[in-house]
C-alpha atoms as a PDB file:
ATOM      1  CA  MET A   1      13.355 -19.512 -12.908  1.00  0.00           C
ATOM      2  CA  PHE A   2      11.420 -17.085 -15.082  1.00  0.00           C
ATOM      3  CA  ALA A   3       8.376 -14.959 -14.314  1.00  0.00           C
ATOM      4  CA  GLU A   4       5.639 -13.507 -16.462  1.00  0.00           C
ATOM      5  CA  VAL A   5       4.969 -10.022 -15.127  1.00  0.00           C
ATOM      6  CA  ALA A   6       2.124  -7.592 -15.880  1.00  0.00           C
ATOM      7  CA  VAL A   7       3.889  -4.218 -15.896  1.00  0.00           C
ATOM      8  CA  ASP A   8       2.342  -0.893 -14.920  1.00  0.00           C
ATOM      9  CA  PHE A   9       2.498   1.042 -18.171  1.00  0.00           C
ATOM     10  CA  PRO A  10      -0.083   2.062 -20.792  1.00  0.00           C
ATOM     11  CA  ASP A  11      -0.344  -0.626 -23.437  1.00  0.00           C
ATOM     12  CA  GLN A  12      -2.662  -1.526 -26.271  1.00  0.00           C
ATOM     13  CA  ARG A  13      -2.685  -5.209 -25.330  1.00  0.00           C
ATOM     14  CA  ALA A  14      -3.301  -7.267 -22.220  1.00  0.00           C
ATOM     15  CA  ARG A  15       0.053  -9.037 -21.992  1.00  0.00           C
ATOM     16  CA  THR A  16       2.874  -9.956 -19.650  1.00  0.00           C
ATOM     17  CA  PHE A  17       6.629  -9.586 -20.015  1.00  0.00           C
ATOM     18  CA  THR A  18       9.226 -12.236 -19.241  1.00  0.00           C
ATOM     19  CA  TYR A  19      11.837 -11.604 -16.537  1.00  0.00           C
ATOM     20  CA  LYS A  20      14.504 -13.724 -14.941  1.00  0.00           C
ATOM     21  CA  VAL A  21      14.102 -14.435 -11.235  1.00  0.00           C
ATOM     22  CA  PRO A  22      17.399 -13.878  -9.344  1.00  0.00           C
ATOM     23  CA  ASN A  23      18.621 -16.925  -7.430  1.00  0.00           C
ATOM     24  CA  ASP A  24      18.293 -15.156  -4.084  1.00  0.00           C
ATOM     25  CA  LEU A  25      14.722 -14.004  -4.708  1.00  0.00           C
ATOM     26  CA  GLU A  26      11.705 -16.157  -3.792  1.00  0.00           C
ATOM     27  CA  LEU A  27       8.575 -15.368  -5.778  1.00  0.00           C
ATOM     28  CA  VAL A  28       5.041 -16.670  -5.999  1.00  0.00           C
ATOM     29  CA  VAL A  29       2.148 -15.769  -8.272  1.00  0.00           C
ATOM     30  CA  GLY A  30       0.463 -12.594  -7.064  1.00  0.00           C
ATOM     31  CA  ASP A  31       3.626 -10.937  -5.768  1.00  0.00           C
ATOM     32  CA  LEU A  32       4.250  -7.265  -6.480  1.00  0.00           C
ATOM     33  CA  VAL A  33       7.684  -6.693  -8.000  1.00  0.00           C
ATOM     34  CA  TRP A  34       9.850  -3.920  -9.412  1.00  0.00           C
ATOM     35  CA  VAL A  35      11.250  -4.574 -12.868  1.00  0.00           C
ATOM     36  CA  PRO A  36      13.437  -2.722 -15.382  1.00  0.00           C
ATOM     37  CA  PHE A  37      11.353  -1.430 -18.259  1.00  0.00           C
ATOM     38  CA  GLY A  38      13.253   0.594 -20.802  1.00  0.00           C
ATOM     39  CA  PRO A  39      15.157   3.281 -18.897  1.00  0.00           C
ATOM     40  CA  ARG A  40      12.745   3.112 -15.944  1.00  0.00           C
ATOM     41  CA  THR A  41      11.970   0.796 -13.060  1.00  0.00           C
ATOM     42  CA  LEU A  42       8.254   0.015 -12.861  1.00  0.00           C
ATOM     43  CA  GLN A  43       5.928  -1.957 -10.652  1.00  0.00           C
ATOM     44  CA  GLY A  44       4.407  -5.206 -11.832  1.00  0.00           C
ATOM     45  CA  VAL A  45       2.380  -8.219 -10.748  1.00  0.00           C
ATOM     46  CA  VAL A  46       3.669 -11.784 -11.148  1.00  0.00           C
ATOM     47  CA  PHE A  47       1.192 -13.804 -13.242  1.00  0.00           C
ATOM     48  CA  GLU A  48       3.198 -16.982 -13.868  1.00  0.00           C
ATOM     49  CA  ILE A  49       6.431 -18.634 -12.800  1.00  0.00           C
ATOM     50  CA  ASN A  50       8.195 -21.089 -15.118  1.00  0.00           C
ATOM     51  CA  LYS A  51      11.249 -23.289 -14.649  1.00  0.00           C
ATOM     52  CA  PHE A  52      12.357 -23.220 -18.266  1.00  0.00           C
ATOM     53  CA  GLU A  53      13.630 -20.302 -20.309  1.00  0.00           C
ATOM     54  CA  PRO A  54      11.184 -19.195 -23.009  1.00  0.00           C
ATOM     55  CA  SER A  55      12.377 -19.598 -26.572  1.00  0.00           C
ATOM     56  CA  GLY A  56      12.671 -16.769 -29.056  1.00  0.00           C
ATOM     57  CA  LEU A  57      13.835 -14.113 -26.583  1.00  0.00           C
ATOM     58  CA  GLN A  58      17.322 -12.688 -27.110  1.00  0.00           C
ATOM     59  CA  LYS A  59      17.813 -10.874 -23.810  1.00  0.00           C
ATOM     60  CA  ILE A  60      15.881 -11.406 -20.603  1.00  0.00           C
ATOM     61  CA  ARG A  61      16.347  -8.872 -17.847  1.00  0.00           C
ATOM     62  CA  SER A  62      16.133  -9.710 -14.143  1.00  0.00           C
ATOM     63  CA  ILE A  63      13.576  -8.607 -11.591  1.00  0.00           C
ATOM     64  CA  ASN A  64      14.987  -5.885  -9.359  1.00  0.00           C
ATOM     65  CA  ALA A  65      13.047  -6.430  -6.168  1.00  0.00           C
ATOM     66  CA  ARG A  66       9.975  -7.949  -4.571  1.00  0.00           C
ATOM     67  CA  THR A  67       7.555  -6.062  -2.358  1.00  0.00           C
ATOM     68  CA  VAL A  68       7.662  -7.596   1.109  1.00  0.00           C
ATOM     69  CA  GLY A  69       4.477  -8.932   2.649  1.00  0.00           C
ATOM     70  CA  GLY A  70       3.054 -10.547  -0.481  1.00  0.00           C
ATOM     71  CA  PRO A  71       1.493 -12.161  -2.326  1.00  0.00           C
ATOM     72  CA  PHE A  72      -1.226  -9.524  -2.529  1.00  0.00           C
ATOM     73  CA  ILE A  73      -3.383 -11.195  -5.182  1.00  0.00           C
ATOM     74  CA  SER A  74      -4.489 -14.829  -5.046  1.00  0.00           C
ATOM     75  CA  GLN A  75      -4.398 -17.183  -8.029  1.00  0.00           C
ATOM     76  CA  ASP A  76      -8.196 -16.985  -8.307  1.00  0.00           C
ATOM     77  CA  LEU A  77      -8.036 -13.193  -8.534  1.00  0.00           C
ATOM     78  CA  ILE A  78      -5.255 -13.422 -11.129  1.00  0.00           C
ATOM     79  CA  ASP A  79      -7.710 -15.376 -13.277  1.00  0.00           C
ATOM     80  CA  VAL A  80     -10.343 -12.715 -12.628  1.00  0.00           C
ATOM     81  CA  ALA A  81      -7.869 -10.008 -13.697  1.00  0.00           C
ATOM     82  CA  ARG A  82      -7.274 -11.834 -16.992  1.00  0.00           C
ATOM     83  CA  TRP A  83     -11.000 -11.867 -17.673  1.00  0.00           C
ATOM     84  CA  VAL A  84     -11.419  -8.194 -16.710  1.00  0.00           C
ATOM     85  CA  ALA A  85      -8.520  -7.142 -18.947  1.00  0.00           C
ATOM     86  CA  LYS A  86      -9.920  -9.079 -21.891  1.00  0.00           C
ATOM     87  CA  TYR A  87     -13.537  -7.996 -21.419  1.00  0.00           C
ATOM     88  CA  TYR A  88     -12.816  -4.303 -20.838  1.00  0.00           C
ATOM     89  CA  ARG A  89      -9.798  -4.154 -23.169  1.00  0.00           C
ATOM     90  CA  THR A  90      -7.419  -2.830 -20.556  1.00  0.00           C
ATOM     91  CA  THR A  91      -3.970  -3.856 -19.341  1.00  0.00           C
ATOM     92  CA  LEU A  92      -3.460  -6.729 -16.947  1.00  0.00           C
ATOM     93  CA  PHE A  93      -1.868  -4.459 -14.369  1.00  0.00           C
ATOM     94  CA  ALA A  94      -4.815  -2.039 -14.553  1.00  0.00           C
ATOM     95  CA  ALA A  95      -7.140  -4.969 -13.931  1.00  0.00           C
ATOM     96  CA  CYS A  96      -4.990  -6.079 -10.989  1.00  0.00           C
ATOM     97  CA  SER A  97      -4.974  -2.598  -9.492  1.00  0.00           C
ATOM     98  CA  LEU A  98      -8.682  -3.044  -8.775  1.00  0.00           C
ATOM     99  CA  LEU A  99      -7.858  -6.098  -6.682  1.00  0.00           C
ATOM    100  CA  LEU A 100      -4.947  -4.708  -4.658  1.00  0.00           C
ATOM    101  CA  PRO A 101      -5.430  -3.614  -1.015  1.00  0.00           C
ATOM    102  CA  PRO A 102      -6.981  -0.127  -0.712  1.00  0.00           C
ATOM    103  CA  GLY A 103      -4.356   2.595  -0.883  1.00  0.00           C
ATOM    104  CA  ALA A 104      -1.645   0.167  -1.905  1.00  0.00           C
ATOM    105  CA  SER A 105       0.160   2.670  -4.098  1.00  0.00           C
ATOM    106  CA  SER A 106       0.207   5.318  -1.423  1.00  0.00           C
ATOM    107  CA  LYS A 107       1.602   2.881   1.135  1.00  0.00           C
ATOM    108  CA  LEU A 108       4.444   1.700  -1.055  1.00  0.00           C
ATOM    109  CA  ARG A 109       7.868   3.218  -0.421  1.00  0.00           C
ATOM    110  CA  VAL A 110      11.136   2.335  -2.145  1.00  0.00           C
ATOM    111  CA  TRP A 111      14.337   2.265  -0.098  1.00  0.00           C
ATOM    112  CA  LEU A 112      17.814   2.308  -1.607  1.00  0.00           C
ATOM    113  CA  SER A 113      20.859   0.591  -0.116  1.00  0.00           C
ATOM    114  CA  PRO A 114      24.449   0.131  -1.378  1.00  0.00           C
ATOM    115  CA  GLY A 115      24.874  -2.702  -3.882  1.00  0.00           C
ATOM    116  CA  ASP A 116      27.709  -5.157  -4.414  1.00  0.00           C
ATOM    117  CA  SER A 117      28.971  -3.664  -7.677  1.00  0.00           C
ATOM    118  CA  ARG A 118      31.433  -0.789  -7.813  1.00  0.00           C
ATOM    119  CA  GLY A 119      32.324   1.446 -10.728  1.00  0.00           C
ATOM    120  CA  ASN A 120      33.735   4.776 -11.808  1.00  0.00           C
ATOM    121  CA  PHE A 121      31.012   7.070 -10.561  1.00  0.00           C
ATOM    122  CA  SER A 122      30.222  10.446 -11.986  1.00  0.00           C
ATOM    123  CA  LYS A 123      30.093  13.342  -9.539  1.00  0.00           C
ATOM    124  CA  GLN A 124      26.316  13.001  -9.124  1.00  0.00           C
ATOM    125  CA  GLU A 125      26.452   9.211  -8.846  1.00  0.00           C
ATOM    126  CA  GLN A 126      29.125   9.485  -6.150  1.00  0.00           C
ATOM    127  CA  ARG A 127      27.003  12.012  -4.308  1.00  0.00           C
ATOM    128  CA  ALA A 128      24.010   9.681  -4.358  1.00  0.00           C
ATOM    129  CA  PHE A 129      26.072   6.637  -3.349  1.00  0.00           C
ATOM    130  CA  ASP A 130      27.742   8.454  -0.426  1.00  0.00           C
ATOM    131  CA  TYR A 131      24.386   9.733   0.789  1.00  0.00           C
ATOM    132  CA  ILE A 132      22.929   6.213   0.824  1.00  0.00           C
ATOM    133  CA  ARG A 133      26.033   4.566   2.310  1.00  0.00           C
ATOM    134  CA  LYS A 134      26.239   6.992   5.255  1.00  0.00           C
ATOM    135  CA  ARG A 135      22.650   6.126   6.199  1.00  0.00           C
ATOM    136  CA  SER A 136      22.780   2.404   5.322  1.00  0.00           C
ATOM    137  CA  ARG A 137      19.627   3.008   3.309  1.00  0.00           C
ATOM    138  CA  ALA A 138      17.595   6.006   2.157  1.00  0.00           C
ATOM    139  CA  PRO A 139      14.196   6.640   0.534  1.00  0.00           C
ATOM    140  CA  LYS A 140      14.419   6.679  -3.247  1.00  0.00           C
ATOM    141  CA  SER A 141      12.334   9.848  -3.479  1.00  0.00           C
ATOM    142  CA  ARG A 142      14.716  11.684  -1.158  1.00  0.00           C
ATOM    143  CA  VAL A 143      17.806  10.666  -3.157  1.00  0.00           C
ATOM    144  CA  ILE A 144      16.146  11.860  -6.364  1.00  0.00           C
ATOM    145  CA  ARG A 145      15.354  15.221  -4.776  1.00  0.00           C
ATOM    146  CA  LEU A 146      18.945  15.485  -3.549  1.00  0.00           C
ATOM    147  CA  LEU A 147      20.277  15.123  -7.089  1.00  0.00           C
ATOM    148  CA  GLY A 148      17.841  17.600  -8.586  1.00  0.00           C
ATOM    149  CA  MET A 149      17.314  17.696 -12.354  1.00  0.00           C
ATOM    150  CA  GLY A 150      18.152  14.344 -13.913  1.00  0.00           C
ATOM    151  CA  GLY A 151      17.957  12.587 -10.551  1.00  0.00           C
ATOM    152  CA  VAL A 152      15.410  10.011 -11.731  1.00  0.00           C
ATOM    153  CA  SER A 153      17.549   8.775 -14.638  1.00  0.00           C
ATOM    154  CA  ILE A 154      20.700   8.719 -12.471  1.00  0.00           C
ATOM    155  CA  VAL A 155      19.062   6.623  -9.763  1.00  0.00           C
ATOM    156  CA  GLU A 156      17.422   4.258 -12.262  1.00  0.00           C
ATOM    157  CA  ARG A 157      20.745   3.726 -14.035  1.00  0.00           C
ATOM    158  CA  MET A 158      22.527   2.961 -10.747  1.00  0.00           C
ATOM    159  CA  ILE A 159      19.808   0.428  -9.887  1.00  0.00           C
ATOM    160  CA  ARG A 160      20.182  -1.310 -13.267  1.00  0.00           C
ATOM    161  CA  GLN A 161      23.961  -1.473 -12.839  1.00  0.00           C
ATOM    162  CA  ARG A 162      23.474  -2.809  -9.288  1.00  0.00           C
ATOM    163  CA  PHE A 163      25.471   0.027  -7.731  1.00  0.00           C
ATOM    164  CA  ILE A 164      22.479   0.450  -5.449  1.00  0.00           C
ATOM    165  CA  VAL A 165      19.658  -1.929  -4.556  1.00  0.00           C
ATOM    166  CA  ALA A 166      15.973  -0.955  -4.519  1.00  0.00           C
ATOM    167  CA  GLN A 167      13.762  -2.513  -1.856  1.00  0.00           C
ATOM    168  CA  PRO A 168      10.054  -1.598  -1.877  1.00  0.00           C
ATOM    169  CA  GLU A 169       8.221  -1.819   1.423  1.00  0.00           C
ATOM    170  CA  TRP A 170       4.659  -1.250   2.570  1.00  0.00           C
ATOM    171  CA  GLU A 171       4.382   1.681   4.924  1.00  0.00           C
ATOM    172  CA  LYS A 172       2.183   1.391   7.992  1.00  0.00           C
ATOM    173  CA  PRO A 173      -1.154   3.170   7.477  1.00  0.00           C
ATOM    174  CA  ARG A 174      -1.015   6.756   8.680  1.00  0.00           C
ATOM    175  CA  VAL A 175      -4.651   6.845   9.680  1.00  0.00           C
ATOM    176  CA  SER A 176      -5.930   6.131  13.167  1.00  0.00           C
ATOM    177  CA  ALA A 177      -9.292   5.222  14.559  1.00  0.00           C
ATOM    178  CA  VAL A 178     -11.800   8.028  15.031  1.00  0.00           C
ATOM    179  CA  PHE A 179     -13.761   8.050  18.263  1.00  0.00           C
ATOM    180  CA  THR A 180     -16.890  10.094  19.039  1.00  0.00           C
ATOM    181  CA  ASN A 181     -18.541  10.840  22.365  1.00  0.00           C
ATOM    182  CA  ARG A 182     -21.716   8.927  23.144  1.00  0.00           C
ATOM    183  CA  ILE A 183     -23.872   9.345  26.221  1.00  0.00           C
ATOM    184  CA  GLU A 184     -26.590   6.794  26.834  1.00  0.00           C
ATOM    185  CA  LEU A 185     -28.253   4.929  29.679  1.00  0.00           C
ATOM    186  CA  ALA A 186     -26.241   2.156  31.318  1.00  0.00           C
ATOM    187  CA  ALA A 187     -28.747   1.015  33.971  1.00  0.00           C
ATOM    188  CA  SER A 188     -31.434  -1.629  33.539  1.00  0.00           C
ATOM    189  CA  GLU A 189     -35.001  -0.702  32.597  1.00  0.00           C
ATOM    190  CA  SER A 190     -36.326  -1.509  36.063  1.00  0.00           C
ATOM    191  CA  GLN A 191     -33.676   0.698  37.678  1.00  0.00           C
ATOM    192  CA  ILE A 192     -34.511   3.543  35.288  1.00  0.00           C
ATOM    193  CA  ASN A 193     -38.244   3.287  36.012  1.00  0.00           C
ATOM    194  CA  ALA A 194     -37.577   3.310  39.747  1.00  0.00           C
ATOM    195  CA  LEU A 195     -35.470   6.460  39.454  1.00  0.00           C
ATOM    196  CA  ILE A 196     -38.113   8.184  37.336  1.00  0.00           C
ATOM    197  CA  ASP A 197     -40.743   7.442  39.976  1.00  0.00           C
ATOM    198  CA  ARG A 198     -38.356   8.659  42.658  1.00  0.00           C
ATOM    199  CA  TYR A 199     -37.632  12.027  41.054  1.00  0.00           C
ATOM    200  CA  ALA A 200     -40.916  12.731  39.242  1.00  0.00           C
ATOM    201  CA  ASN A 201     -42.754  14.588  42.044  1.00  0.00           C
ATOM    202  CA  THR A 202     -39.756  16.193  43.722  1.00  0.00           C
ATOM    203  CA  ARG A 203     -37.642  19.291  43.182  1.00  0.00           C
ATOM    204  CA  SER A 204     -35.388  17.038  41.058  1.00  0.00           C
ATOM    205  CA  TYR A 205     -38.133  16.440  38.479  1.00  0.00           C
ATOM    206  CA  ARG A 206     -35.736  17.522  35.692  1.00  0.00           C
ATOM    207  CA  ARG A 207     -33.768  14.343  36.404  1.00  0.00           C
ATOM    208  CA  ALA A 208     -36.877  12.338  35.759  1.00  0.00           C
ATOM    209  CA  GLU A 209     -37.439  14.166  32.464  1.00  0.00           C
ATOM    210  CA  LEU A 210     -33.843  13.474  31.475  1.00  0.00           C
ATOM    211  CA  LEU A 211     -34.258   9.768  32.201  1.00  0.00           C
ATOM    212  CA  VAL A 212     -37.522   9.639  30.225  1.00  0.00           C
ATOM    213  CA  TRP A 213     -35.735  11.378  27.331  1.00  0.00           C
ATOM    214  CA  PHE A 214     -32.981   8.768  27.372  1.00  0.00           C
ATOM    215  CA  ARG A 215     -35.474   5.900  27.820  1.00  0.00           C
ATOM    216  CA  SER A 216     -37.084   6.830  24.499  1.00  0.00           C
ATOM    217  CA  GLY A 217     -33.865   5.674  22.781  1.00  0.00           C
ATOM    218  CA  THR A 218     -32.303   9.091  22.227  1.00  0.00           C
ATOM    219  CA  ILE A 219     -28.506   9.370  22.449  1.00  0.00           C
ATOM    220  CA  ALA A 220     -26.575  12.510  23.387  1.00  0.00           C
ATOM    221  CA  GLN A 221     -23.184  13.405  21.910  1.00  0.00           C
ATOM    222  CA  THR A 222     -21.970  15.918  24.505  1.00  0.00           C
ATOM    223  CA  LYS A 223     -22.784  17.118  27.997  1.00  0.00           C
ATOM    224  CA  SER A 224     -23.303  20.644  26.705  1.00  0.00           C
ATOM    225  CA  SER A 225     -26.116  19.440  24.437  1.00  0.00           C
ATOM    226  CA  LEU A 226     -27.835  17.960  27.502  1.00  0.00           C
ATOM    227  CA  ASN A 227     -27.362  21.166  29.480  1.00  0.00           C
ATOM    228  CA  SER A 228     -29.129  23.128  26.754  1.00  0.00           C
ATOM    229  CA  LEU A 229     -32.120  20.769  26.966  1.00  0.00           C
ATOM    230  CA  PHE A 230     -32.310  20.206  30.689  1.00  0.00           C
END
């Protein structure tokens, strides 16, 4: 199987790049994937999947990983992205980025785990591999920081050589619901009117004024704001 992928990099043309789909990887159109692109590993969107190998290509590299939870873009929106890219003269991935879930990039995290291949590691490669192996898996960003200068190229090279495996995952949103206080009448209109009549000509007349204030449709945010008024 082969996939046409719109890769996240600045380009002068709206085009896709051909990648081989590993046998153990299930893909559909609209999936987010990680692919080798030059010396780097970049994110991309699957635009097409074909059973036959395209002609005229000497070397076709394989997709590294698929983002779990997809597809994130439907076939209809893929067609929309093609139109947007053509009309506004932008890349296909840039057009797709408008259609991805809000905050998608910020919620994406890449985890590294030991791969099947083994080799003669350099000192830094061995350090990275041991760090990942001891933890079963580790965030890519943390491994890069561990290695310091040159960490990005070391990690990318180990991914390409399958010494380690990259697995992108969506993080759970870190935001929570925001609640505000709200004080309003809960009784029926007839009950409110009866209470107003009850308190109006007594020493508790301020209660009646409070109920009239609420009956007008006003809402209080805090008890202290009510105390300042009544």
